[in-house]
Amino acid sequence: MAHAHSDDEKLSNIGFLNKLFYDHNTNRYGIISILLLFVGCGGGIAVGLGALDSVIQLIMLVLPTMVALSMILAVAPMRVIVTTSIIAFAIDVLVIIYNLVA
């Protein structure tokens, strides 16, 4: 029986990601809900910890977060959704660490 992923969407070369997202279209709604939680809450925490005082930090947080959420709304391929969400969450974590240290 054929798998749910399309043939033109390539899987990652990393074994862990292959195991996690091999049937990512089958698990699409579960993965998207987890990513929404992490991206949304991460951005909110980052803004609450001091990004409101800096326009640069707000731009750094809003741009990747809105791109990730737009990809979810546009029903983009899961590879794109996961990639943009990871980038958005990584920037959230960096801004949180910067605001806690500085």
PDB file of N, CA and C in Angstrom:
ATOM      1  N   MET A   1       0.847  -1.182   0.000  1.00  0.00           N
ATOM      2  CA  MET A   1       0.000   0.000   0.000  1.00  0.00           C
ATOM      3  C   MET A   1       0.889   1.240   0.000  1.00  0.00           C
ATOM      4  N   ALA A   2       0.517   2.237  -0.740  1.00  0.00           N
ATOM      5  CA  ALA A   2       1.321   3.457  -0.857  1.00  0.00           C
ATOM      6  C   ALA A   2       1.179   4.300   0.403  1.00  0.00           C
ATOM      7  N   HIS A   3       2.248   5.026   0.705  1.00  0.00           N
ATOM      8  CA  HIS A   3       2.227   5.909   1.858  1.00  0.00           C
ATOM      9  C   HIS A   3       1.553   7.225   1.500  1.00  0.00           C
ATOM     10  N   ALA A   4       1.217   8.003   2.531  1.00  0.00           N
ATOM     11  CA  ALA A   4       0.447   9.228   2.339  1.00  0.00           C
ATOM     12  C   ALA A   4       1.279  10.374   1.769  1.00  0.00           C
ATOM     13  N   HIS A   5       2.599  10.313   1.859  1.00  0.00           N
ATOM     14  CA  HIS A   5       3.403  11.439   1.376  1.00  0.00           C
ATOM     15  C   HIS A   5       3.525  11.377  -0.142  1.00  0.00           C
ATOM     16  N   SER A   6       3.659  12.556  -0.730  1.00  0.00           N
ATOM     17  CA  SER A   6       3.792  12.606  -2.186  1.00  0.00           C
ATOM     18  C   SER A   6       5.228  12.254  -2.580  1.00  0.00           C
ATOM     19  N   ASP A   7       5.389  11.790  -3.806  1.00  0.00           N
ATOM     20  CA  ASP A   7       6.709  11.374  -4.267  1.00  0.00           C
ATOM     21  C   ASP A   7       7.654  12.542  -4.489  1.00  0.00           C
ATOM     22  N   ASP A   8       7.106  13.730  -4.812  1.00  0.00           N
ATOM     23  CA  ASP A   8       7.980  14.865  -5.072  1.00  0.00           C
ATOM     24  C   ASP A   8       8.448  15.553  -3.799  1.00  0.00           C
ATOM     25  N   GLU A   9       7.817  15.265  -2.658  1.00  0.00           N
ATOM     26  CA  GLU A   9       8.248  15.849  -1.396  1.00  0.00           C
ATOM     27  C   GLU A   9       9.268  14.913  -0.767  1.00  0.00           C
ATOM     28  N   LYS A  10      10.522  15.359  -0.735  1.00  0.00           N
ATOM     29  CA  LYS A  10      11.601  14.506  -0.261  1.00  0.00           C
ATOM     30  C   LYS A  10      11.676  14.537   1.257  1.00  0.00           C
ATOM     31  N   LEU A  11      12.011  13.404   1.812  1.00  0.00           N
ATOM     32  CA  LEU A  11      12.222  13.322   3.242  1.00  0.00           C
ATOM     33  C   LEU A  11      13.620  13.802   3.568  1.00  0.00           C
ATOM     34  N   SER A  12      13.842  14.084   4.819  1.00  0.00           N
ATOM     35  CA  SER A  12      15.130  14.588   5.270  1.00  0.00           C
ATOM     36  C   SER A  12      16.190  13.484   5.198  1.00  0.00           C
ATOM     37  N   ASN A  13      17.442  13.901   5.157  1.00  0.00           N
ATOM     38  CA  ASN A  13      18.545  12.945   5.215  1.00  0.00           C
ATOM     39  C   ASN A  13      18.855  12.531   6.644  1.00  0.00           C
ATOM     40  N   ILE A  14      18.223  13.154   7.615  1.00  0.00           N
ATOM     41  CA  ILE A  14      18.448  12.860   9.028  1.00  0.00           C
ATOM     42  C   ILE A  14      17.487  11.753   9.452  1.00  0.00           C
ATOM     43  N   GLY A  15      18.025  10.687   9.993  1.00  0.00           N
ATOM     44  CA  GLY A  15      17.231   9.525  10.352  1.00  0.00           C
ATOM     45  C   GLY A  15      16.134   9.810  11.361  1.00  0.00           C
ATOM     46  N   PHE A  16      16.432  10.639  12.357  1.00  0.00           N
ATOM     47  CA  PHE A  16      15.444  10.967  13.389  1.00  0.00           C
ATOM     48  C   PHE A  16      14.229  11.654  12.778  1.00  0.00           C
ATOM     49  N   LEU A  17      14.474  12.602  11.865  1.00  0.00           N
ATOM     50  CA  LEU A  17      13.361  13.311  11.235  1.00  0.00           C
ATOM     51  C   LEU A  17      12.569  12.390  10.320  1.00  0.00           C
ATOM     52  N   ASN A  18      13.234  11.447   9.670  1.00  0.00           N
ATOM     53  CA  ASN A  18      12.527  10.480   8.844  1.00  0.00           C
ATOM     54  C   ASN A  18      11.569   9.637   9.679  1.00  0.00           C
ATOM     55  N   LYS A  19      12.030   9.186  10.840  1.00  0.00           N
ATOM     56  CA  LYS A  19      11.174   8.390  11.711  1.00  0.00           C
ATOM     57  C   LYS A  19      10.014   9.213  12.254  1.00  0.00           C
ATOM     58  N   LEU A  20      10.293  10.471  12.580  1.00  0.00           N
ATOM     59  CA  LEU A  20       9.269  11.326  13.180  1.00  0.00           C
ATOM     60  C   LEU A  20       8.227  11.770  12.169  1.00  0.00           C
ATOM     61  N   PHE A  21       8.669  12.126  10.956  1.00  0.00           N
ATOM     62  CA  PHE A  21       7.765  12.729   9.986  1.00  0.00           C
ATOM     63  C   PHE A  21       7.543  11.878   8.734  1.00  0.00           C
ATOM     64  N   TYR A  22       7.762  10.562   8.823  1.00  0.00           N
ATOM     65  CA  TYR A  22       7.615   9.742   7.624  1.00  0.00           C
ATOM     66  C   TYR A  22       6.176   9.769   7.118  1.00  0.00           C
ATOM     67  N   ASP A  23       5.239   9.598   7.996  1.00  0.00           N
ATOM     68  CA  ASP A  23       3.822   9.702   7.629  1.00  0.00           C
ATOM     69  C   ASP A  23       3.268  11.030   8.117  1.00  0.00           C
ATOM     70  N   HIS A  24       3.988  12.099   7.824  1.00  0.00           N
ATOM     71  CA  HIS A  24       3.610  13.411   8.347  1.00  0.00           C
ATOM     72  C   HIS A  24       2.264  13.890   7.821  1.00  0.00           C
ATOM     73  N   ASN A  25       1.860  13.515   6.631  1.00  0.00           N
ATOM     74  CA  ASN A  25       0.540  13.925   6.149  1.00  0.00           C
ATOM     75  C   ASN A  25      -0.575  13.180   6.868  1.00  0.00           C
ATOM     76  N   THR A  26      -0.308  11.962   7.308  1.00  0.00           N
ATOM     77  CA  THR A  26      -1.284  11.232   8.102  1.00  0.00           C
ATOM     78  C   THR A  26      -1.444  11.899   9.463  1.00  0.00           C
ATOM     79  N   ASN A  27      -0.351  12.360  10.023  1.00  0.00           N
ATOM     80  CA  ASN A  27      -0.362  13.002  11.341  1.00  0.00           C
ATOM     81  C   ASN A  27      -0.397  14.522  11.241  1.00  0.00           C
ATOM     82  N   ARG A  28      -0.821  15.067  10.130  1.00  0.00           N
ATOM     83  CA  ARG A  28      -0.751  16.500   9.844  1.00  0.00           C
ATOM     84  C   ARG A  28      -1.408  17.353  10.931  1.00  0.00           C
ATOM     85  N   TYR A  29      -2.622  17.019  11.325  1.00  0.00           N
ATOM     86  CA  TYR A  29      -3.360  17.867  12.274  1.00  0.00           C
ATOM     87  C   TYR A  29      -2.761  17.801  13.672  1.00  0.00           C
ATOM     88  N   GLY A  30      -2.244  16.672  14.058  1.00  0.00           N
ATOM     89  CA  GLY A  30      -1.580  16.578  15.358  1.00  0.00           C
ATOM     90  C   GLY A  30      -0.288  17.372  15.395  1.00  0.00           C
ATOM     91  N   ILE A  31       0.509  17.269  14.333  1.00  0.00           N
ATOM     92  CA  ILE A  31       1.770  18.004  14.256  1.00  0.00           C
ATOM     93  C   ILE A  31       1.500  19.503  14.203  1.00  0.00           C
ATOM     94  N   ILE A  32       0.503  19.916  13.411  1.00  0.00           N
ATOM     95  CA  ILE A  32       0.187  21.340  13.294  1.00  0.00           C
ATOM     96  C   ILE A  32      -0.284  21.899  14.627  1.00  0.00           C
ATOM     97  N   SER A  33      -1.082  21.155  15.374  1.00  0.00           N
ATOM     98  CA  SER A  33      -1.551  21.676  16.668  1.00  0.00           C
ATOM     99  C   SER A  33      -0.395  21.837  17.653  1.00  0.00           C
ATOM    100  N   ILE A  34       0.553  20.931  17.637  1.00  0.00           N
ATOM    101  CA  ILE A  34       1.728  21.055  18.505  1.00  0.00           C
ATOM    102  C   ILE A  34       2.572  22.256  18.081  1.00  0.00           C
ATOM    103  N   LEU A  35       2.772  22.423  16.776  1.00  0.00           N
ATOM    104  CA  LEU A  35       3.558  23.560  16.286  1.00  0.00           C
ATOM    105  C   LEU A  35       2.876  24.882  16.593  1.00  0.00           C
ATOM    106  N   LEU A  36       1.554  24.937  16.467  1.00  0.00           N
ATOM    107  CA  LEU A  36       0.826  26.161  16.828  1.00  0.00           C
ATOM    108  C   LEU A  36       1.032  26.512  18.299  1.00  0.00           C
ATOM    109  N   LEU A  37       1.002  25.509  19.135  1.00  0.00           N
ATOM    110  CA  LEU A  37       1.204  25.732  20.567  1.00  0.00           C
ATOM    111  C   LEU A  37       2.599  26.276  20.843  1.00  0.00           C
ATOM    112  N   PHE A  38       3.626  25.646  20.269  1.00  0.00           N
ATOM    113  CA  PHE A  38       4.997  26.083  20.513  1.00  0.00           C
ATOM    114  C   PHE A  38       5.279  27.458  19.917  1.00  0.00           C
ATOM    115  N   VAL A  39       4.869  27.678  18.682  1.00  0.00           N
ATOM    116  CA  VAL A  39       5.149  28.961  18.026  1.00  0.00           C
ATOM    117  C   VAL A  39       4.366  30.084  18.692  1.00  0.00           C
ATOM    118  N   GLY A  40       3.094  29.854  18.972  1.00  0.00           N
ATOM    119  CA  GLY A  40       2.268  30.890  19.591  1.00  0.00           C
ATOM    120  C   GLY A  40       2.697  31.235  21.000  1.00  0.00           C
ATOM    121  N   CYS A  41       2.880  30.226  21.827  1.00  0.00           N
ATOM    122  CA  CYS A  41       3.281  30.470  23.220  1.00  0.00           C
ATOM    123  C   CYS A  41       4.710  30.985  23.305  1.00  0.00           C
ATOM    124  N   GLY A  42       5.591  30.465  22.471  1.00  0.00           N
ATOM    125  CA  GLY A  42       6.975  30.942  22.467  1.00  0.00           C
ATOM    126  C   GLY A  42       7.064  32.407  22.101  1.00  0.00           C
ATOM    127  N   GLY A  43       6.318  32.812  21.089  1.00  0.00           N
ATOM    128  CA  GLY A  43       6.304  34.223  20.703  1.00  0.00           C
ATOM    129  C   GLY A  43       5.712  35.105  21.781  1.00  0.00           C
ATOM    130  N   GLY A  44       4.646  34.656  22.415  1.00  0.00           N
ATOM    131  CA  GLY A  44       4.031  35.423  23.501  1.00  0.00           C
ATOM    132  C   GLY A  44       4.953  35.584  24.686  1.00  0.00           C
ATOM    133  N   ILE A  45       5.643  34.533  25.054  1.00  0.00           N
ATOM    134  CA  ILE A  45       6.587  34.598  26.176  1.00  0.00           C
ATOM    135  C   ILE A  45       7.745  35.519  25.830  1.00  0.00           C
ATOM    136  N   ALA A  46       8.246  35.425  24.608  1.00  0.00           N
ATOM    137  CA  ALA A  46       9.370  36.272  24.191  1.00  0.00           C
ATOM    138  C   ALA A  46       8.978  37.750  24.216  1.00  0.00           C
ATOM    139  N   VAL A  47       7.780  38.057  23.752  1.00  0.00           N
ATOM    140  CA  VAL A  47       7.313  39.448  23.779  1.00  0.00           C
ATOM    141  C   VAL A  47       7.103  39.903  25.220  1.00  0.00           C
ATOM    142  N   GLY A  48       6.554  39.051  26.041  1.00  0.00           N
ATOM    143  CA  GLY A  48       6.300  39.403  27.438  1.00  0.00           C
ATOM    144  C   GLY A  48       7.557  39.605  28.255  1.00  0.00           C
ATOM    145  N   LEU A  49       8.658  38.979  27.865  1.00  0.00           N
ATOM    146  CA  LEU A  49       9.896  39.096  28.635  1.00  0.00           C
ATOM    147  C   LEU A  49      10.767  40.275  28.217  1.00  0.00           C
ATOM    148  N   GLY A  50      10.241  41.178  27.408  1.00  0.00           N
ATOM    149  CA  GLY A  50      11.015  42.374  27.128  1.00  0.00           C
ATOM    150  C   GLY A  50      11.089  42.815  25.693  1.00  0.00           C
ATOM    151  N   ALA A  51      10.504  42.063  24.775  1.00  0.00           N
ATOM    152  CA  ALA A  51      10.586  42.454  23.378  1.00  0.00           C
ATOM    153  C   ALA A  51       9.699  43.657  23.063  1.00  0.00           C
ATOM    154  N   LEU A  52       8.779  43.983  23.965  1.00  0.00           N
ATOM    155  CA  LEU A  52       7.932  45.160  23.747  1.00  0.00           C
ATOM    156  C   LEU A  52       8.733  46.451  23.779  1.00  0.00           C
ATOM    157  N   ASP A  53       9.877  46.433  24.419  1.00  0.00           N
ATOM    158  CA  ASP A  53      10.705  47.630  24.536  1.00  0.00           C
ATOM    159  C   ASP A  53      11.565  47.873  23.307  1.00  0.00           C
ATOM    160  N   SER A  54      11.675  46.914  22.423  1.00  0.00           N
ATOM    161  CA  SER A  54      12.562  47.019  21.272  1.00  0.00           C
ATOM    162  C   SER A  54      11.804  46.699  19.983  1.00  0.00           C
ATOM    163  N   VAL A  55      11.806  47.653  19.059  1.00  0.00           N
ATOM    164  CA  VAL A  55      11.139  47.442  17.780  1.00  0.00           C
ATOM    165  C   VAL A  55      11.854  46.355  16.982  1.00  0.00           C
ATOM    166  N   ILE A  56      13.180  46.312  17.077  1.00  0.00           N
ATOM    167  CA  ILE A  56      13.952  45.299  16.345  1.00  0.00           C
ATOM    168  C   ILE A  56      13.574  43.898  16.821  1.00  0.00           C
ATOM    169  N   GLN A  57      13.454  43.714  18.133  1.00  0.00           N
ATOM    170  CA  GLN A  57      13.086  42.407  18.663  1.00  0.00           C
ATOM    171  C   GLN A  57      11.667  42.032  18.242  1.00  0.00           C
ATOM    172  N   LEU A  58      10.763  43.001  18.224  1.00  0.00           N
ATOM    173  CA  LEU A  58       9.403  42.713  17.778  1.00  0.00           C
ATOM    174  C   LEU A  58       9.374  42.268  16.325  1.00  0.00           C
ATOM    175  N   ILE A  59      10.132  42.947  15.487  1.00  0.00           N
ATOM    176  CA  ILE A  59      10.194  42.562  14.074  1.00  0.00           C
ATOM    177  C   ILE A  59      10.797  41.173  13.940  1.00  0.00           C
ATOM    178  N   MET A  60      11.860  40.901  14.719  1.00  0.00           N
ATOM    179  CA  MET A  60      12.502  39.581  14.675  1.00  0.00           C
ATOM    180  C   MET A  60      11.529  38.476  15.093  1.00  0.00           C
ATOM    181  N   LEU A  61      10.604  38.779  15.991  1.00  0.00           N
ATOM    182  CA  LEU A  61       9.648  37.774  16.452  1.00  0.00           C
ATOM    183  C   LEU A  61       8.429  37.657  15.539  1.00  0.00           C
ATOM    184  N   VAL A  62       7.913  38.786  15.099  1.00  0.00           N
ATOM    185  CA  VAL A  62       6.669  38.770  14.337  1.00  0.00           C
ATOM    186  C   VAL A  62       6.851  38.181  12.946  1.00  0.00           C
ATOM    187  N   LEU A  63       7.923  38.524  12.276  1.00  0.00           N
ATOM    188  CA  LEU A  63       8.114  38.086  10.892  1.00  0.00           C
ATOM    189  C   LEU A  63       8.140  36.555  10.752  1.00  0.00           C
ATOM    190  N   PRO A  64       9.017  35.831  11.455  1.00  0.00           N
ATOM    191  CA  PRO A  64       9.010  34.368  11.277  1.00  0.00           C
ATOM    192  C   PRO A  64       7.760  33.703  11.848  1.00  0.00           C
ATOM    193  N   THR A  65       7.184  34.287  12.900  1.00  0.00           N
ATOM    194  CA  THR A  65       5.962  33.713  13.460  1.00  0.00           C
ATOM    195  C   THR A  65       4.817  33.819  12.460  1.00  0.00           C
ATOM    196  N   MET A  66       4.663  34.964  11.832  1.00  0.00           N
ATOM    197  CA  MET A  66       3.594  35.144  10.849  1.00  0.00           C
ATOM    198  C   MET A  66       3.830  34.301   9.595  1.00  0.00           C
ATOM    199  N   VAL A  67       5.089  34.105   9.223  1.00  0.00           N
ATOM    200  CA  VAL A  67       5.376  33.228   8.078  1.00  0.00           C
ATOM    201  C   VAL A  67       4.970  31.794   8.406  1.00  0.00           C
ATOM    202  N   ALA A  68       5.312  31.332   9.600  1.00  0.00           N
ATOM    203  CA  ALA A  68       4.951  29.969  10.009  1.00  0.00           C
ATOM    204  C   ALA A  68       3.433  29.804  10.067  1.00  0.00           C
ATOM    205  N   LEU A  69       2.747  30.762  10.647  1.00  0.00           N
ATOM    206  CA  LEU A  69       1.289  30.668  10.740  1.00  0.00           C
ATOM    207  C   LEU A  69       0.634  30.788   9.365  1.00  0.00           C
ATOM    208  N   SER A  70       1.204  31.582   8.487  1.00  0.00           N
ATOM    209  CA  SER A  70       0.681  31.703   7.125  1.00  0.00           C
ATOM    210  C   SER A  70       0.854  30.401   6.352  1.00  0.00           C
ATOM    211  N   MET A  71       1.962  29.716   6.577  1.00  0.00           N
ATOM    212  CA  MET A  71       2.163  28.434   5.910  1.00  0.00           C
ATOM    213  C   MET A  71       1.139  27.410   6.379  1.00  0.00           C
ATOM    214  N   ILE A  72       0.774  27.464   7.656  1.00  0.00           N
ATOM    215  CA  ILE A  72      -0.250  26.555   8.178  1.00  0.00           C
ATOM    216  C   ILE A  72      -1.597  26.877   7.537  1.00  0.00           C
ATOM    217  N   LEU A  73      -1.935  28.161   7.476  1.00  0.00           N
ATOM    218  CA  LEU A  73      -3.204  28.569   6.870  1.00  0.00           C
ATOM    219  C   LEU A  73      -3.257  28.256   5.381  1.00  0.00           C
ATOM    220  N   ALA A  74      -2.139  28.337   4.698  1.00  0.00           N
ATOM    221  CA  ALA A  74      -2.085  28.094   3.264  1.00  0.00           C
ATOM    222  C   ALA A  74      -2.049  26.609   2.924  1.00  0.00           C
ATOM    223  N   VAL A  75      -2.051  25.748   3.939  1.00  0.00           N
ATOM    224  CA  VAL A  75      -1.963  24.308   3.769  1.00  0.00           C
ATOM    225  C   VAL A  75      -0.751  23.957   2.901  1.00  0.00           C
ATOM    226  N   ALA A  76       0.375  24.524   3.281  1.00  0.00           N
ATOM    227  CA  ALA A  76       1.642  24.271   2.598  1.00  0.00           C
ATOM    228  C   ALA A  76       2.102  22.842   2.897  1.00  0.00           C
ATOM    229  N   PRO A  77       3.074  22.356   2.141  1.00  0.00           N
ATOM    230  CA  PRO A  77       3.625  21.030   2.459  1.00  0.00           C
ATOM    231  C   PRO A  77       4.193  20.996   3.886  1.00  0.00           C
ATOM    232  N   MET A  78       4.099  19.857   4.522  1.00  0.00           N
ATOM    233  CA  MET A  78       4.514  19.734   5.917  1.00  0.00           C
ATOM    234  C   MET A  78       5.984  20.080   6.112  1.00  0.00           C
ATOM    235  N   ARG A  79       6.806  19.786   5.123  1.00  0.00           N
ATOM    236  CA  ARG A  79       8.228  20.123   5.214  1.00  0.00           C
ATOM    237  C   ARG A  79       8.408  21.625   5.414  1.00  0.00           C
ATOM    238  N   VAL A  80       7.636  22.431   4.688  1.00  0.00           N
ATOM    239  CA  VAL A  80       7.721  23.888   4.788  1.00  0.00           C
ATOM    240  C   VAL A  80       7.173  24.367   6.135  1.00  0.00           C
ATOM    241  N   ILE A  81       6.063  23.791   6.562  1.00  0.00           N
ATOM    242  CA  ILE A  81       5.453  24.178   7.837  1.00  0.00           C
ATOM    243  C   ILE A  81       6.395  23.887   8.992  1.00  0.00           C
ATOM    244  N   VAL A  82       6.969  22.695   9.006  1.00  0.00           N
ATOM    245  CA  VAL A  82       7.877  22.311  10.096  1.00  0.00           C
ATOM    246  C   VAL A  82       9.129  23.182  10.080  1.00  0.00           C
ATOM    247  N   THR A  83       9.677  23.443   8.904  1.00  0.00           N
ATOM    248  CA  THR A  83      10.896  24.253   8.808  1.00  0.00           C
ATOM    249  C   THR A  83      10.658  25.671   9.303  1.00  0.00           C
ATOM    250  N   THR A  84       9.573  26.311   8.845  1.00  0.00           N
ATOM    251  CA  THR A  84       9.310  27.684   9.277  1.00  0.00           C
ATOM    252  C   THR A  84       8.972  27.747  10.758  1.00  0.00           C
ATOM    253  N   SER A  85       8.308  26.730  11.272  1.00  0.00           N
ATOM    254  CA  SER A  85       7.974  26.711  12.701  1.00  0.00           C
ATOM    255  C   SER A  85       9.217  26.531  13.566  1.00  0.00           C
ATOM    256  N   ILE A  86      10.144  25.686  13.119  1.00  0.00           N
ATOM    257  CA  ILE A  86      11.387  25.493  13.869  1.00  0.00           C
ATOM    258  C   ILE A  86      12.203  26.778  13.877  1.00  0.00           C
ATOM    259  N   ILE A  87      12.264  27.465  12.748  1.00  0.00           N
ATOM    260  CA  ILE A  87      12.997  28.734  12.683  1.00  0.00           C
ATOM    261  C   ILE A  87      12.353  29.769  13.609  1.00  0.00           C
ATOM    262  N   ALA A  88      11.021  29.857  13.574  1.00  0.00           N
ATOM    263  CA  ALA A  88      10.317  30.818  14.432  1.00  0.00           C
ATOM    264  C   ALA A  88      10.554  30.507  15.907  1.00  0.00           C
ATOM    265  N   PHE A  89      10.476  29.230  16.279  1.00  0.00           N
ATOM    266  CA  PHE A  89      10.668  28.865  17.686  1.00  0.00           C
ATOM    267  C   PHE A  89      12.112  29.084  18.124  1.00  0.00           C
ATOM    268  N   ALA A  90      13.074  28.826  17.231  1.00  0.00           N
ATOM    269  CA  ALA A  90      14.486  29.064  17.576  1.00  0.00           C
ATOM    270  C   ALA A  90      14.736  30.550  17.825  1.00  0.00           C
ATOM    271  N   ILE A  91      14.145  31.404  17.009  1.00  0.00           N
ATOM    272  CA  ILE A  91      14.304  32.845  17.229  1.00  0.00           C
ATOM    273  C   ILE A  91      13.628  33.260  18.525  1.00  0.00           C
ATOM    274  N   ASP A  92      12.467  32.668  18.835  1.00  0.00           N
ATOM    275  CA  ASP A  92      11.800  32.946  20.112  1.00  0.00           C
ATOM    276  C   ASP A  92      12.714  32.616  21.279  1.00  0.00           C
ATOM    277  N   VAL A  93      13.336  31.449  21.225  1.00  0.00           N
ATOM    278  CA  VAL A  93      14.221  31.021  22.312  1.00  0.00           C
ATOM    279  C   VAL A  93      15.427  31.955  22.428  1.00  0.00           C
ATOM    280  N   LEU A  94      16.004  32.357  21.299  1.00  0.00           N
ATOM    281  CA  LEU A  94      17.140  33.276  21.330  1.00  0.00           C
ATOM    282  C   LEU A  94      16.767  34.624  21.949  1.00  0.00           C
ATOM    283  N   VAL A  95      15.601  35.145  21.597  1.00  0.00           N
ATOM    284  CA  VAL A  95      15.156  36.430  22.166  1.00  0.00           C
ATOM    285  C   VAL A  95      14.858  36.276  23.653  1.00  0.00           C
ATOM    286  N   ILE A  96      14.276  35.157  24.045  1.00  0.00           N
ATOM    287  CA  ILE A  96      14.017  34.912  25.471  1.00  0.00           C
ATOM    288  C   ILE A  96      15.327  34.876  26.249  1.00  0.00           C
ATOM    289  N   ILE A  97      16.301  34.135  25.749  1.00  0.00           N
ATOM    290  CA  ILE A  97      17.608  34.056  26.432  1.00  0.00           C
ATOM    291  C   ILE A  97      18.262  35.415  26.492  1.00  0.00           C
ATOM    292  N   TYR A  98      18.227  36.166  25.388  1.00  0.00           N
ATOM    293  CA  TYR A  98      18.833  37.502  25.365  1.00  0.00           C
ATOM    294  C   TYR A  98      18.182  38.406  26.408  1.00  0.00           C
ATOM    295  N   ASN A  99      16.866  38.386  26.496  1.00  0.00           N
ATOM    296  CA  ASN A  99      16.182  39.255  27.448  1.00  0.00           C
ATOM    297  C   ASN A  99      16.375  38.808  28.897  1.00  0.00           C
ATOM    298  N   LEU A 100      16.585  37.538  29.129  1.00  0.00           N
ATOM    299  CA  LEU A 100      16.851  37.083  30.492  1.00  0.00           C
ATOM    300  C   LEU A 100      18.263  37.422  30.939  1.00  0.00           C
ATOM    301  N   VAL A 101      19.220  37.381  30.004  1.00  0.00           N
ATOM    302  CA  VAL A 101      20.605  37.656  30.334  1.00  0.00           C
ATOM    303  C   VAL A 101      20.878  39.159  30.402  1.00  0.00           C
ATOM    304  N   ALA A 102      20.336  39.897  29.444  1.00  0.00           N
ATOM    305  CA  ALA A 102      20.610  41.339  29.374  1.00  0.00           C
ATOM    306  C   ALA A 102      19.773  42.145  30.340  1.00  0.00           C
TER     307      ALA A 102
END
